[in-house]
């Protein structure tokens, strides 16, 4: 009974009917992206920023086109059949001016969380090395080097990021925020030791302030993704449940308080898409809202609409121009 009560505090109590999305509720905002893996909305302006990952840059949507904002990020490769080119990954705004970006294009131990003061519209793009570097996490004693900072989530006092360097630990790292200064990046939660599976990827902050992590698990294993809640102050695991999803890449709470997940479904791409996570007894029921082609990141905009990036079809290893940014109308 205690577990049931705990679960009820984390997820919306009511189980909603399946939500069909009509074509009229879907809009392609931007096409021609290269493995987009991050999306954020600038506070105040409402401008949309995207990590155009394989292109090694951050872009802003201006009049339906991509305007370069930060360029020159390094390039790395992830995966086994197919392989995906990586550059900047998770992004999130600290405030109107400052954008937090997770590295993914450099060797493990040489990647940083970078904080940029973004230029205004139509101003020249800045270089990736003009940001404040937080990190890195090189090998240290028994700890392997960390990198591939896929997901970024913020509280008023901390930056949290998921790490995919040392699969034996599956770290979530954190750094303190103190005005314009930042503490050192530290290993915070060994998620594999807590959950039993590796690859923390999707991350968000719950309405109550917990750190919520989607454990992707093994990319060649079906239905092994888990959802885990942690205390943001001490890293203590509060709850861990199976989801039945294959590979969670992103998590986000809607303005109505419902928790949504993106499933990349590496081993079964036709099953990937957007899911609402409802409480069901002592577990979670993942209700499919819509299919997507290798979805990677999402965020809710100020008007309540949902922005989702997807890699799209990759043919014969070609990764240029297949990615898209899609908007779903408000109401989720």
Protein backbone atom coordinates (compact mmCIF):
# COMPACT_ATOMS: atom_id res chain seq x y z
CA UNK A 1 0.00 0.00 0.00
CA UNK A 2 2.86 2.35 0.73
CA UNK A 3 4.20 1.94 -2.80
CA UNK A 4 0.77 2.70 -4.26
CA UNK A 5 0.51 5.91 -2.28
CA UNK A 6 4.00 6.90 -3.33
CA UNK A 7 3.25 6.22 -6.99
CA UNK A 8 0.08 8.29 -6.78
CA UNK A 9 2.08 11.34 -5.74
CA UNK A 10 4.26 11.10 -8.84
CA UNK A 11 1.77 10.46 -11.64
CA UNK A 12 -1.62 11.89 -12.53
CA UNK A 13 -4.26 9.82 -10.69
CA UNK A 14 -6.86 9.69 -13.44
CA UNK A 15 -6.37 7.29 -16.34
CA UNK A 16 -7.30 9.19 -19.49
CA UNK A 17 -8.72 7.67 -22.67
CA UNK A 18 -6.39 7.05 -25.57
CA UNK A 19 -5.65 10.36 -27.26
CA UNK A 20 -5.77 10.30 -31.03
CA UNK A 21 -3.92 13.14 -32.74
CA UNK A 22 -5.47 14.39 -35.96
CA UNK A 23 -3.47 15.66 -38.93
CA UNK A 24 -4.82 19.16 -38.26
CA UNK A 25 -3.11 19.16 -34.87
CA UNK A 26 0.34 18.43 -36.33
CA UNK A 27 2.64 20.99 -37.91
CA UNK A 28 6.14 20.49 -39.33
CA UNK A 29 8.03 23.54 -38.04
CA UNK A 30 11.43 22.81 -39.55
CA UNK A 31 12.89 20.27 -41.96
CA UNK A 32 16.37 19.50 -43.25
CA UNK A 33 17.91 18.88 -39.83
CA UNK A 34 20.77 16.44 -39.21
CA UNK A 35 20.07 14.13 -36.26
CA UNK A 36 18.40 16.80 -34.08
CA UNK A 37 18.72 15.78 -30.42
CA UNK A 38 17.68 18.80 -28.36
CA UNK A 39 14.95 21.44 -28.36
CA UNK A 40 14.30 24.40 -26.05
CA UNK A 41 12.05 27.47 -26.00
CA UNK A 42 13.58 30.82 -25.07
CA UNK A 43 11.73 32.43 -22.15
CA UNK A 44 10.06 35.70 -23.03
CA UNK A 45 10.58 35.59 -26.80
CA UNK A 46 9.11 32.13 -27.34
CA UNK A 47 11.80 31.46 -29.96
CA UNK A 48 12.57 27.80 -30.60
CA UNK A 49 16.18 26.54 -30.47
CA UNK A 50 17.28 23.14 -31.77
CA UNK A 51 20.49 21.12 -31.37
CA UNK A 52 21.22 20.26 -35.03
CA UNK A 53 23.46 17.54 -33.75
CA UNK A 54 25.16 15.99 -36.77
CA UNK A 55 25.67 19.50 -38.19
CA UNK A 56 27.57 20.48 -35.03
CA UNK A 57 25.49 23.55 -34.24
CA UNK A 58 22.57 25.12 -32.40
CA UNK A 59 19.96 26.84 -34.57
CA UNK A 60 17.00 29.12 -33.96
CA UNK A 61 13.74 28.92 -35.91
CA UNK A 62 13.17 32.24 -37.70
CA UNK A 63 10.31 32.58 -40.19
CA UNK A 64 10.28 28.84 -40.84
CA UNK A 65 14.00 28.49 -41.45
CA UNK A 66 17.05 27.60 -39.36
CA UNK A 67 19.29 30.48 -38.29
CA UNK A 68 22.73 29.50 -36.94
CA UNK A 69 23.27 30.55 -33.31
CA UNK A 70 26.26 28.50 -32.06
CA UNK A 71 28.54 26.63 -34.48
CA UNK A 72 31.69 24.51 -34.60
CA UNK A 73 30.88 21.70 -32.15
CA UNK A 74 32.93 18.52 -32.49
CA UNK A 75 31.62 15.31 -34.04
CA UNK A 76 31.48 11.80 -32.63
CA UNK A 77 29.67 8.58 -33.59
CA UNK A 78 27.27 6.46 -31.54
CA UNK A 79 25.64 3.11 -32.13
CA UNK A 80 26.02 -0.14 -33.99
CA UNK A 81 24.21 -0.66 -37.28
CA UNK A 82 23.24 2.08 -37.93
CA UNK A 83 25.67 4.56 -36.46
CA UNK A 84 24.62 8.13 -35.72
CA UNK A 85 26.79 11.25 -35.91
CA UNK A 86 26.67 13.29 -32.70
CA UNK A 87 27.50 16.85 -31.74
CA UNK A 88 25.65 19.06 -29.23
CA UNK A 89 22.92 17.13 -27.41
CA UNK A 90 20.56 18.27 -24.65
CA UNK A 91 19.71 21.98 -24.40
CA UNK A 92 17.76 24.05 -21.86
CA UNK A 93 17.46 27.75 -21.00
CA UNK A 94 18.57 29.05 -17.60
CA UNK A 95 16.96 32.39 -18.38
CA UNK A 96 16.27 34.48 -21.46
CA UNK A 97 19.94 34.98 -22.30
CA UNK A 98 21.68 31.80 -21.15
CA UNK A 99 21.42 28.44 -22.88
CA UNK A 100 22.83 25.25 -21.34
CA UNK A 101 24.19 22.70 -23.86
CA UNK A 102 25.45 19.16 -23.29
CA UNK A 103 28.45 17.99 -25.33
CA UNK A 104 28.27 14.84 -27.39
CA UNK A 105 30.87 15.37 -30.09
CA UNK A 106 34.15 14.92 -28.22
CA UNK A 107 35.90 11.96 -26.53
CA UNK A 108 34.62 10.88 -23.11
CA UNK A 109 36.37 12.84 -20.40
CA UNK A 110 36.80 15.84 -22.73
CA UNK A 111 33.14 16.82 -22.95
CA UNK A 112 31.52 19.64 -21.01
CA UNK A 113 28.26 21.20 -20.09
CA UNK A 114 28.52 24.58 -21.84
CA UNK A 115 26.60 27.73 -20.94
CA UNK A 116 26.20 30.33 -23.69
CA UNK A 117 24.83 33.86 -23.82
CA UNK A 118 22.93 33.55 -27.07
CA UNK A 119 23.03 36.35 -29.64
CA UNK A 120 19.85 38.14 -30.64
CA UNK A 121 18.09 37.37 -33.90
CA UNK A 122 20.01 38.19 -37.07
CA UNK A 123 23.26 38.70 -35.14
CA UNK A 124 26.29 36.63 -36.21
CA UNK A 125 26.56 33.14 -34.78
CA UNK A 126 29.05 32.51 -31.99
CA UNK A 127 31.54 29.65 -31.69
CA UNK A 128 31.11 26.64 -29.39
CA UNK A 129 34.30 27.65 -27.50
CA UNK A 130 32.77 30.98 -26.41
CA UNK A 131 30.62 29.33 -23.77
CA UNK A 132 31.39 28.83 -20.08
CA UNK A 133 32.63 25.26 -19.62
CA UNK A 134 31.26 23.25 -16.70
CA UNK A 135 33.16 19.99 -16.23
CA UNK A 136 34.64 17.85 -17.55
CA UNK A 137 34.42 14.39 -15.93
CA UNK A 138 37.69 12.60 -16.76
CA UNK A 139 38.62 9.20 -15.41
CA UNK A 140 39.21 9.37 -11.67
CA UNK A 141 40.34 6.38 -9.63
CA UNK A 142 37.79 3.62 -10.21
CA UNK A 143 35.58 5.93 -12.24
CA UNK A 144 35.81 5.85 -16.02
CA UNK A 145 35.68 9.02 -18.09
CA UNK A 146 32.20 10.41 -18.69
CA UNK A 147 30.60 11.96 -21.74
CA UNK A 148 27.63 12.10 -24.12
CA UNK A 149 25.60 14.47 -21.94
CA UNK A 150 22.33 13.64 -23.66
CA UNK A 151 19.70 15.14 -21.40
CA UNK A 152 19.83 18.45 -19.50
CA UNK A 153 17.37 19.48 -16.77
CA UNK A 154 17.48 22.55 -14.54
CA UNK A 155 16.30 23.59 -11.09
CA UNK A 156 16.88 27.06 -9.61
CA UNK A 157 20.00 25.73 -7.86
CA UNK A 158 21.38 22.94 -10.08
CA UNK A 159 22.13 21.71 -13.55
CA UNK A 160 21.46 17.98 -13.96
CA UNK A 161 22.59 15.95 -16.95
CA UNK A 162 22.48 12.32 -18.01
CA UNK A 163 25.83 10.76 -18.89
CA UNK A 164 26.53 7.86 -21.23
CA UNK A 165 30.23 7.19 -20.82
CA UNK A 166 30.58 4.56 -18.10
CA UNK A 167 27.80 2.02 -18.70
CA UNK A 168 28.68 0.18 -15.49
CA UNK A 169 27.48 3.18 -13.46
CA UNK A 170 25.09 5.17 -15.66
CA UNK A 171 25.73 8.50 -14.00
CA UNK A 172 23.52 11.52 -13.62
CA UNK A 173 25.88 14.44 -13.00
CA UNK A 174 25.14 17.79 -11.40
CA UNK A 175 26.63 21.26 -10.96
CA UNK A 176 25.56 24.07 -8.64
CA UNK A 177 24.18 27.33 -10.07
CA UNK A 178 25.24 30.47 -8.22
CA UNK A 179 24.17 33.49 -10.24
CA UNK A 180 26.61 33.86 -13.13
CA UNK A 181 28.95 31.21 -11.72
CA UNK A 182 28.76 27.42 -11.67
CA UNK A 183 30.19 24.79 -9.39
CA UNK A 184 32.21 21.87 -10.66
CA UNK A 185 30.43 19.08 -12.49
CA UNK A 186 30.16 16.06 -10.18
CA UNK A 187 28.98 12.48 -10.48
CA UNK A 188 25.72 12.44 -8.51
CA UNK A 189 23.56 9.33 -9.06
CA UNK A 190 24.84 5.95 -10.26
CA UNK A 191 21.57 5.07 -11.95
CA UNK A 192 22.53 1.54 -13.04
CA UNK A 193 23.32 0.62 -9.44
CA UNK A 194 19.92 2.00 -8.41
CA UNK A 195 17.74 0.72 -11.25
CA UNK A 196 19.61 -2.35 -12.46
CA UNK A 197 19.86 -1.18 -16.07
CA UNK A 198 22.18 1.26 -17.81
CA UNK A 199 21.89 4.27 -20.13
CA UNK A 200 20.15 7.17 -18.38
CA UNK A 201 19.02 9.34 -21.30
CA UNK A 202 15.76 11.26 -20.87
CA UNK A 203 15.58 13.57 -17.85
CA UNK A 204 13.18 16.17 -16.47
CA UNK A 205 12.21 17.82 -13.19
CA UNK A 206 8.81 16.90 -11.74
CA UNK A 207 6.35 19.60 -10.62
CA UNK A 208 7.43 18.80 -7.04
CA UNK A 209 11.14 19.12 -7.84
CA UNK A 210 12.25 15.49 -8.12
CA UNK A 211 14.79 14.43 -10.76
CA UNK A 212 12.96 12.09 -13.15
CA UNK A 213 15.10 9.82 -15.34
CA UNK A 214 14.26 7.53 -18.23
CA UNK A 215 16.62 4.56 -18.25
CA UNK A 216 16.99 3.55 -21.89
CA UNK A 217 18.49 0.16 -21.14
CA UNK A 218 20.07 -1.97 -23.84
CA UNK A 219 19.32 -0.92 -27.41
CA UNK A 220 19.07 -4.55 -28.53
CA UNK A 221 16.58 -5.53 -25.80
CA UNK A 222 12.85 -4.85 -26.12
CA UNK A 223 10.63 -3.30 -23.43
CA UNK A 224 13.39 -2.78 -20.85
CA UNK A 225 13.15 1.00 -20.30
CA UNK A 226 12.41 2.15 -16.76
CA UNK A 227 11.21 5.33 -15.08
CA UNK A 228 12.98 6.45 -11.90
CA UNK A 229 12.42 9.33 -9.49
CA UNK A 230 15.23 10.72 -7.30
CA UNK A 231 15.50 13.28 -4.54
CA UNK A 232 17.18 16.30 -6.15
CA UNK A 233 19.07 17.19 -2.97
CA UNK A 234 20.66 13.89 -1.94
CA UNK A 235 20.16 11.66 -5.00
CA UNK A 236 18.16 9.06 -3.07
CA UNK A 237 15.97 6.88 -5.28
CA UNK A 238 12.29 7.42 -4.45
CA UNK A 239 10.62 5.13 -6.98
CA UNK A 240 11.51 2.90 -9.92
CA UNK A 241 9.00 1.27 -12.29
CA UNK A 242 9.06 -0.58 -15.59
CA UNK A 243 7.37 1.18 -18.50
CA UNK A 244 7.16 -1.45 -21.23
CA UNK A 245 8.88 1.00 -23.59
CA UNK A 246 12.00 0.09 -25.56
CA UNK A 247 14.37 3.11 -25.39
CA UNK A 248 13.21 6.29 -23.62
CA UNK A 249 14.99 9.31 -25.08
CA UNK A 250 13.03 12.18 -23.50
CA UNK A 251 10.59 13.01 -20.69
CA UNK A 252 8.42 16.09 -20.21
CA UNK A 253 5.50 17.21 -18.05
CA UNK A 254 2.64 18.93 -19.84
CA UNK A 255 0.99 22.10 -18.47
CA UNK A 256 -1.84 19.79 -17.29
CA UNK A 257 0.66 17.81 -15.20
CA UNK A 258 0.75 14.64 -17.30
CA UNK A 259 4.11 12.94 -17.87
CA UNK A 260 5.09 12.09 -21.45
CA UNK A 261 7.91 9.98 -22.84
CA UNK A 262 9.50 9.56 -26.25
CA UNK A 263 10.49 6.03 -27.27
CA UNK A 264 13.21 5.71 -29.93
CA UNK A 265 12.58 1.93 -30.10
CA UNK A 266 15.98 1.17 -31.59
CA UNK A 267 15.33 -2.52 -32.17
CA UNK A 268 11.75 -1.99 -33.38
CA UNK A 269 11.51 1.46 -34.98
CA UNK A 270 7.88 1.08 -36.04
CA UNK A 271 6.93 0.98 -32.36
CA UNK A 272 8.60 4.29 -31.49
CA UNK A 273 6.69 7.46 -30.71
CA UNK A 274 5.12 9.69 -28.07
CA UNK A 275 3.55 8.07 -24.99
CA UNK A 276 1.64 9.36 -21.97
CA UNK A 277 2.64 7.59 -18.76
CA UNK A 278 -0.44 6.89 -16.64
CA UNK A 279 -0.58 5.30 -13.21
CA UNK A 280 -1.90 1.77 -13.38
CA UNK A 281 -2.07 -0.09 -10.07
CA UNK A 282 1.47 -0.24 -8.75
CA UNK A 283 2.99 0.46 -12.14
CA UNK A 284 2.81 2.57 -15.28
CA UNK A 285 0.67 2.24 -18.37
CA UNK A 286 2.33 3.76 -21.45
CA UNK A 287 -0.46 5.06 -23.69
CA UNK A 288 0.68 5.69 -27.26
CA UNK A 289 -0.31 9.12 -28.55
CA UNK A 290 1.41 9.10 -31.93
CA UNK A 291 4.15 7.32 -33.87
CA UNK A 292 7.39 9.14 -34.68
CA UNK A 293 10.44 8.13 -36.70
CA UNK A 294 13.33 7.96 -34.20
CA UNK A 295 12.16 10.73 -31.82
CA UNK A 296 14.94 12.26 -29.75
CA UNK A 297 13.84 15.26 -27.65
CA UNK A 298 10.81 17.33 -26.69
CA UNK A 299 9.64 20.33 -24.71
CA UNK A 300 6.38 22.13 -24.08
CA UNK A 301 6.21 25.70 -25.35
CA UNK A 302 4.72 28.67 -23.52
CA UNK A 303 1.38 28.23 -25.33
CA UNK A 304 1.13 24.58 -24.23
CA UNK A 305 1.98 23.03 -27.59
CA UNK A 306 4.51 20.20 -27.69
CA UNK A 307 7.70 20.42 -29.77
CA UNK A 308 9.36 17.15 -30.81
CA UNK A 309 12.54 16.43 -32.78
CA UNK A 310 12.88 13.28 -34.85
CA UNK A 311 15.81 11.98 -36.87
CA UNK A 312 13.64 10.65 -39.68
CA UNK A 313 14.50 8.10 -42.34
CA UNK A 314 18.18 7.27 -42.75
CA UNK A 315 19.04 5.45 -45.99
CA UNK A 316 22.40 3.80 -46.66
CA UNK A 317 23.95 5.68 -43.76
CA UNK A 318 22.92 9.09 -45.12
CA UNK A 319 21.99 11.37 -42.22
CA UNK A 320 21.79 14.77 -43.90
CA UNK A 321 18.46 16.54 -44.10
CA UNK A 322 16.20 13.79 -42.75
CA UNK A 323 15.49 15.33 -39.34
CA UNK A 324 12.45 17.42 -38.47
CA UNK A 325 11.00 19.62 -35.74
CA UNK A 326 7.28 18.95 -35.23
CA UNK A 327 4.67 20.80 -33.18
CA UNK A 328 1.55 19.20 -31.64
CA UNK A 329 -1.26 21.56 -30.66
CA UNK A 330 -1.89 22.43 -27.01
CA UNK A 331 -4.11 20.20 -24.90
CA UNK A 332 -1.89 17.30 -23.87
